[in-house]
Amino acid sequence: MKYQTKKKGSLLEIVMEMYQGISRQKAKQIIKHSRFKLNGKAIPSHPALDVEANLWIEKADKHEVPKIHLKPDRRKPVAIHYEDRFFLIAIKPAGILTHPDSNQPGAKSFQKILEAYLSKRDLRNTRLWIVHRLDREVEGFLIMAKSEEIAEQFKENWSTVTKQYLALTEGKPEKEEGVLESYLRDEEHQKVKAYPTEVAGSRYAKTSYRWIKDALPYSVLEVTLHTGRKHQIRVHLSELGCPIVGDRKYGAEPFFRRQIRLAAYKLKLEHPVNQKIIELHYQPSARFFKPSPNADENYKII
């Protein structure tokens, strides 16, 4: 927004002049969440700042260049890596549900955390739509749409989105790269089982993997999803003989409780509106690759 000041006054008075009829409190909120320039030069966002008459003042929302916390955790969970008026891509920390779960009414969900963050930032109620999900135990890129229409467009073209993960595994696969195919079915205790051929209630799943390096005593694998089934990577790597570190449910060592070392660290997709290609990747924290060898972590995995 660009505006020519009519008379000398404080920045608070100028903002109230720009937005005729708003309260002083509302003007203070606008200043708090905005960046300003006078005749093209940045100025502090302070309500008492003196502004001369007949100058051009420019206002831009601070969230046009959102602050990114590159290492989110449950205390500071918001790390937005891409955002426009149609959708956003943020990193979900491990230990937080993707969306509210009626079976866990007291648990936080990343959808609600993001909605609350955006509502406070933008000074208006914000609603987000789920495009896809990550297990509670998994960290990484998550796409949230800002309308139901955009969410549906993503879902209709989901097979064209490239989704890659980093997994820290116990053991090293015999072949440094390969493709894993099976049929997955929900079993008791919210556990998924793999079958070599189709059985009643099962769904086809395909995963490819590539060994990247040793992180002794573990291995680092890059995993690409070709289908999106519940616990797919966790089950397939367990079947490979390389369970993910911390994944006690699927065969990891049971002596310590650890965060599951699986991160959705790369995304490549076509923008649903302007068709531009968006590619994102990030590196998990050093702690991701170095679990404590002799202690529980402050993270409940089961």
Protein backbone atom coordinates (compact mmCIF):
# COMPACT_ATOMS: atom_id res chain seq x y z
CA MET A 1 0.00 0.00 0.00
CA LYS A 2 1.37 3.44 -0.96
CA TYR A 3 0.08 6.74 0.49
CA GLN A 4 1.14 10.42 0.44
CA THR A 5 1.08 12.03 3.88
CA LYS A 6 -1.09 15.13 4.12
CA LYS A 7 0.37 16.62 7.29
CA LYS A 8 3.12 16.04 9.83
CA GLY A 9 2.32 13.52 12.54
CA SER A 10 3.35 10.31 14.30
CA LEU A 11 3.38 7.03 12.42
CA LEU A 12 0.35 6.02 14.47
CA GLU A 13 -1.54 9.10 13.31
CA ILE A 14 -0.48 8.54 9.70
CA VAL A 15 -1.70 4.93 9.76
CA MET A 16 -5.04 6.05 11.23
CA GLU A 17 -5.20 8.58 8.38
CA MET A 18 -4.43 5.86 5.82
CA TYR A 19 -7.13 3.59 7.26
CA GLN A 20 -9.88 6.09 8.03
CA GLY A 21 -12.17 5.04 10.87
CA ILE A 22 -9.93 2.46 12.55
CA SER A 23 -9.19 2.56 16.28
CA ARG A 24 -5.82 3.45 17.80
CA GLN A 25 -5.46 -0.16 19.00
CA LYS A 26 -6.08 -1.51 15.50
CA ALA A 27 -3.56 0.98 14.07
CA LYS A 28 -0.96 -0.20 16.60
CA GLN A 29 -1.55 -3.80 15.53
CA ILE A 30 -1.08 -2.85 11.87
CA ILE A 31 2.21 -1.11 12.72
CA LYS A 32 3.39 -4.10 14.75
CA HIS A 33 2.82 -6.50 11.86
CA SER A 34 4.05 -4.25 9.02
CA ARG A 35 7.19 -2.80 7.44
CA PHE A 36 7.30 0.83 6.27
CA LYS A 37 9.33 2.94 3.84
CA LEU A 38 9.39 6.75 3.45
CA ASN A 39 10.26 7.87 -0.07
CA GLY A 40 11.75 4.42 -0.64
CA LYS A 41 13.86 4.30 2.55
CA ALA A 42 13.06 1.83 5.35
CA ILE A 43 11.96 3.31 8.66
CA PRO A 44 11.38 1.74 12.11
CA SER A 45 7.86 0.41 12.76
CA HIS A 46 7.31 2.54 15.87
CA PRO A 47 3.97 4.28 16.58
CA ALA A 48 5.65 7.46 17.95
CA LEU A 49 7.99 7.96 14.98
CA ASP A 50 7.63 11.46 13.49
CA VAL A 51 6.63 11.58 9.82
CA GLU A 52 6.78 14.76 7.74
CA ALA A 53 4.02 15.99 5.40
CA ASN A 54 4.02 15.40 1.64
CA LEU A 55 6.10 12.21 1.76
CA TRP A 56 5.27 8.89 0.14
CA ILE A 57 4.86 6.14 2.74
CA GLU A 58 4.79 2.49 1.69
CA LYS A 59 3.41 -0.28 3.86
CA ALA A 60 4.11 -3.99 3.37
CA ASP A 61 3.05 -6.87 5.58
CA LYS A 62 5.93 -8.46 7.42
CA HIS A 63 4.68 -11.89 6.40
CA GLU A 64 5.51 -11.20 2.75
CA VAL A 65 8.97 -12.40 3.82
CA PRO A 66 7.99 -14.72 6.66
CA LYS A 67 10.43 -15.35 9.47
CA ILE A 68 11.65 -18.93 9.14
CA HIS A 69 12.72 -21.01 12.11
CA LEU A 70 14.96 -23.50 10.34
CA LYS A 71 14.97 -25.94 13.26
CA PRO A 72 11.38 -26.10 14.52
CA ASP A 73 10.49 -27.99 17.65
CA ARG A 74 7.38 -28.41 19.77
CA ARG A 75 8.08 -25.10 21.57
CA LYS A 76 8.59 -23.13 18.32
CA PRO A 77 6.84 -25.24 15.70
CA VAL A 78 6.26 -22.80 12.83
CA ALA A 79 8.82 -22.84 10.01
CA ILE A 80 7.27 -21.71 6.72
CA HIS A 81 9.45 -22.38 3.67
CA TYR A 82 7.01 -21.30 0.95
CA GLU A 83 3.82 -19.24 1.04
CA ASP A 84 1.55 -17.39 -1.34
CA ARG A 85 -2.17 -16.62 -1.34
CA PHE A 86 -3.05 -20.15 -2.46
CA PHE A 87 -1.08 -22.45 -0.12
CA LEU A 88 1.93 -22.77 2.13
CA ILE A 89 4.62 -25.36 2.81
CA ALA A 90 5.92 -25.67 6.36
CA ILE A 91 8.03 -28.11 8.35
CA LYS A 92 6.02 -30.16 10.83
CA PRO A 93 8.12 -31.11 13.87
CA ALA A 94 8.11 -34.71 15.03
CA GLY A 95 5.70 -35.38 17.89
CA ILE A 96 2.81 -33.25 16.59
CA LEU A 97 -0.27 -34.58 14.80
CA THR A 98 -0.91 -33.31 11.28
CA HIS A 99 -4.58 -32.66 12.01
CA PRO A 100 -6.94 -32.93 15.00
CA ASP A 101 -7.76 -36.49 16.06
CA SER A 102 -11.01 -37.24 17.90
CA ASN A 103 -9.24 -40.17 19.59
CA GLN A 104 -6.66 -37.77 21.08
CA PRO A 105 -8.74 -34.70 22.02
CA GLY A 106 -6.00 -33.07 24.10
CA ALA A 107 -3.22 -33.44 21.55
CA LYS A 108 -1.95 -30.46 19.54
CA SER A 109 -2.23 -30.59 15.75
CA PHE A 110 -0.01 -28.79 13.28
CA GLN A 111 -3.05 -27.63 11.30
CA LYS A 112 -4.42 -25.77 14.35
CA ILE A 113 -0.98 -24.41 15.30
CA LEU A 114 -0.56 -22.96 11.79
CA GLU A 115 -4.09 -21.55 11.73
CA ALA A 116 -3.53 -19.81 15.06
CA TYR A 117 -0.14 -18.47 13.94
CA LEU A 118 -1.51 -17.08 10.66
CA SER A 119 -4.61 -15.63 12.34
CA LYS A 120 -2.44 -13.71 14.82
CA ARG A 121 0.03 -12.63 12.13
CA ASP A 122 -2.58 -11.48 9.61
CA LEU A 123 -5.09 -10.08 12.13
CA ARG A 124 -7.92 -12.16 10.72
CA ASN A 125 -9.27 -15.66 11.19
CA THR A 126 -7.48 -18.11 8.93
CA ARG A 127 -8.55 -21.58 7.88
CA LEU A 128 -6.32 -24.16 6.24
CA TRP A 129 -7.16 -27.35 4.34
CA ILE A 130 -5.16 -30.57 4.62
CA VAL A 131 -3.50 -31.64 1.36
CA HIS A 132 -1.62 -34.68 2.72
CA ARG A 133 -0.50 -36.09 6.07
CA LEU A 134 2.65 -37.05 7.93
CA ASP A 135 2.68 -39.53 10.80
CA ARG A 136 2.84 -37.91 14.21
CA GLU A 137 6.34 -39.35 14.65
CA VAL A 138 7.66 -37.93 11.35
CA GLU A 139 9.05 -34.45 10.71
CA GLY A 140 9.20 -32.58 7.42
CA PHE A 141 7.49 -30.65 4.66
CA LEU A 142 3.72 -30.43 4.82
CA ILE A 143 1.48 -28.63 2.32
CA MET A 144 -1.58 -26.75 3.60
CA ALA A 145 -4.03 -25.13 1.16
CA LYS A 146 -5.77 -21.82 1.84
CA SER A 147 -8.97 -22.95 0.11
CA GLU A 148 -10.82 -26.20 -0.42
CA GLU A 149 -10.53 -25.75 -4.18
CA ILE A 150 -6.71 -25.61 -4.09
CA ALA A 151 -6.61 -28.62 -1.76
CA GLU A 152 -8.69 -30.62 -4.23
CA GLN A 153 -6.45 -29.58 -7.13
CA PHE A 154 -3.42 -30.85 -5.24
CA LYS A 155 -5.13 -34.14 -4.42
CA GLU A 156 -6.22 -34.69 -8.02
CA ASN A 157 -2.62 -34.30 -9.20
CA TRP A 158 -0.87 -35.80 -6.19
CA SER A 159 0.86 -38.49 -8.26
CA THR A 160 2.88 -35.75 -10.00
CA VAL A 161 4.38 -34.48 -6.71
CA THR A 162 7.86 -35.83 -5.92
CA LYS A 163 8.18 -36.67 -2.22
CA GLN A 164 11.55 -37.72 -0.79
CA TYR A 165 12.55 -38.61 2.74
CA LEU A 166 15.70 -39.11 4.78
CA ALA A 167 15.72 -42.14 7.04
CA LEU A 168 18.30 -43.06 9.66
CA THR A 169 18.21 -46.84 9.79
CA GLU A 170 19.57 -49.68 11.83
CA GLY A 171 21.71 -51.76 9.52
CA LYS A 172 22.65 -51.23 5.90
CA PRO A 173 20.73 -52.73 2.95
CA GLU A 174 22.51 -55.43 0.96
CA LYS A 175 21.89 -53.46 -2.24
CA GLU A 176 22.69 -49.75 -2.10
CA GLU A 177 19.52 -48.95 -4.03
CA GLY A 178 16.35 -50.74 -4.90
CA VAL A 179 12.56 -50.77 -5.19
CA LEU A 180 10.23 -52.21 -2.56
CA GLU A 181 6.75 -53.38 -3.57
CA SER A 182 4.10 -55.11 -1.51
CA TYR A 183 0.49 -54.94 -0.36
CA LEU A 184 -0.14 -53.21 2.95
CA ARG A 185 -3.05 -53.81 5.29
CA ASP A 186 -4.03 -52.34 8.67
CA GLU A 187 -3.82 -54.92 11.42
CA GLU A 188 -4.45 -54.81 15.17
CA HIS A 189 -2.98 -52.13 17.46
CA GLN A 190 -2.74 -49.58 14.64
CA LYS A 191 0.02 -51.56 12.97
CA VAL A 192 0.40 -52.15 9.25
CA LYS A 193 1.56 -55.45 7.76
CA ALA A 194 3.12 -56.13 4.35
CA TYR A 195 2.01 -59.02 2.12
CA PRO A 196 3.81 -60.20 -1.04
CA THR A 197 0.51 -60.58 -2.89
CA GLU A 198 -2.85 -58.91 -2.63
CA VAL A 199 -5.06 -59.97 0.30
CA ALA A 200 -8.47 -58.75 1.41
CA GLY A 201 -8.31 -55.16 2.59
CA SER A 202 -4.75 -54.55 1.36
CA ARG A 203 -3.47 -51.78 -0.92
CA TYR A 204 -0.52 -51.78 -3.31
CA ALA A 205 2.52 -49.81 -2.12
CA LYS A 206 5.76 -48.90 -3.89
CA THR A 207 8.85 -47.33 -2.37
CA SER A 208 12.35 -46.81 -3.78
CA TYR A 209 15.45 -46.22 -1.67
CA ARG A 210 19.08 -45.20 -2.11
CA TRP A 211 21.87 -45.57 0.43
CA ILE A 212 23.58 -42.21 0.94
CA LYS A 213 26.18 -42.65 3.68
CA ASP A 214 27.11 -44.25 6.98
CA ALA A 215 26.28 -42.43 10.20
CA LEU A 216 27.81 -45.10 12.39
CA PRO A 217 26.42 -47.21 13.82
CA TYR A 218 23.54 -46.35 11.48
CA SER A 219 22.91 -45.72 7.79
CA VAL A 220 21.30 -42.77 6.02
CA LEU A 221 18.89 -43.66 3.21
CA GLU A 222 17.05 -41.43 0.78
CA VAL A 223 13.54 -42.76 0.20
CA THR A 224 11.11 -41.85 -2.57
CA LEU A 225 7.39 -42.52 -2.23
CA HIS A 226 5.53 -43.71 -5.32
CA THR A 227 2.32 -44.40 -3.41
CA GLY A 228 1.09 -42.91 -0.16
CA ARG A 229 -0.02 -45.64 2.23
CA LYS A 230 -0.21 -45.52 6.01
CA HIS A 231 3.23 -46.22 7.57
CA GLN A 232 4.51 -47.20 4.12
CA ILE A 233 8.17 -46.23 4.51
CA ARG A 234 8.33 -47.55 8.05
CA VAL A 235 6.95 -50.95 7.03
CA HIS A 236 9.03 -51.27 3.86
CA LEU A 237 12.34 -50.43 5.52
CA SER A 238 11.53 -52.86 8.32
CA GLU A 239 10.85 -55.56 5.70
CA LEU A 240 14.20 -54.66 4.11
CA GLY A 241 15.90 -55.49 7.41
CA CYS A 242 16.69 -51.82 8.11
CA PRO A 243 14.11 -50.51 10.60
CA ILE A 244 14.14 -46.76 11.17
CA VAL A 245 15.96 -45.72 14.33
CA GLY A 246 13.44 -45.23 17.13
CA ASP A 247 10.61 -47.06 15.36
CA ARG A 248 9.96 -49.67 18.01
CA LYS A 249 6.62 -50.54 16.44
CA TYR A 250 8.41 -51.86 13.34
CA GLY A 251 11.43 -53.60 14.76
CA ALA A 252 13.90 -50.95 15.97
CA GLU A 253 15.88 -51.75 19.12
CA PRO A 254 13.61 -51.42 22.19
CA PHE A 255 16.06 -50.34 24.88
CA PHE A 256 15.51 -46.58 24.65
CA ARG A 257 12.62 -44.37 23.59
CA ARG A 258 13.77 -42.24 20.70
CA GLN A 259 12.29 -39.88 18.17
CA ILE A 260 11.69 -41.78 14.94
CA ARG A 261 14.36 -40.67 12.46
CA LEU A 262 12.28 -40.09 9.35
CA ALA A 263 12.10 -36.67 7.65
CA ALA A 264 10.15 -35.52 4.57
CA TYR A 265 13.04 -33.36 3.40
CA LYS A 266 12.43 -32.78 -0.33
CA LEU A 267 9.42 -31.69 -2.36
CA LYS A 268 9.05 -30.96 -6.06
CA LEU A 269 5.67 -29.90 -7.41
CA GLU A 270 3.88 -27.85 -10.02
CA HIS A 271 2.02 -24.82 -8.70
CA PRO A 272 -1.71 -25.58 -9.10
CA VAL A 273 -2.47 -22.07 -10.43
CA ASN A 274 0.52 -20.69 -12.35
CA GLN A 275 2.17 -24.06 -13.16
CA LYS A 276 5.60 -22.93 -11.99
CA ILE A 277 7.86 -25.68 -10.61
CA ILE A 278 8.60 -25.40 -6.89
CA GLU A 279 11.51 -27.35 -5.42
CA LEU A 280 12.30 -27.30 -1.70
CA HIS A 281 14.69 -29.19 0.54
CA TYR A 282 16.11 -28.80 4.04
CA GLN A 283 18.62 -30.57 6.24
CA PRO A 284 17.40 -32.06 9.52
CA SER A 285 19.28 -31.03 12.65
CA ALA A 286 22.56 -32.70 13.62
CA ARG A 287 20.69 -34.38 16.48
CA PHE A 288 18.53 -36.19 13.94
CA PHE A 289 21.60 -38.20 12.86
CA LYS A 290 23.04 -38.73 16.36
CA PRO A 291 20.59 -40.28 18.81
CA SER A 292 21.72 -40.60 22.38
CA PRO A 293 23.49 -43.97 22.72
CA ASN A 294 22.49 -44.52 26.33
CA ALA A 295 19.43 -42.44 27.30
CA ASP A 296 15.76 -41.94 26.56
CA GLU A 297 14.79 -38.86 24.56
CA ASN A 298 12.03 -36.54 25.72
CA TYR A 299 9.66 -37.85 23.10
CA LYS A 300 6.89 -40.41 23.33
CA ILE A 301 6.82 -42.59 20.23
CA ILE A 302 4.12 -45.10 21.08
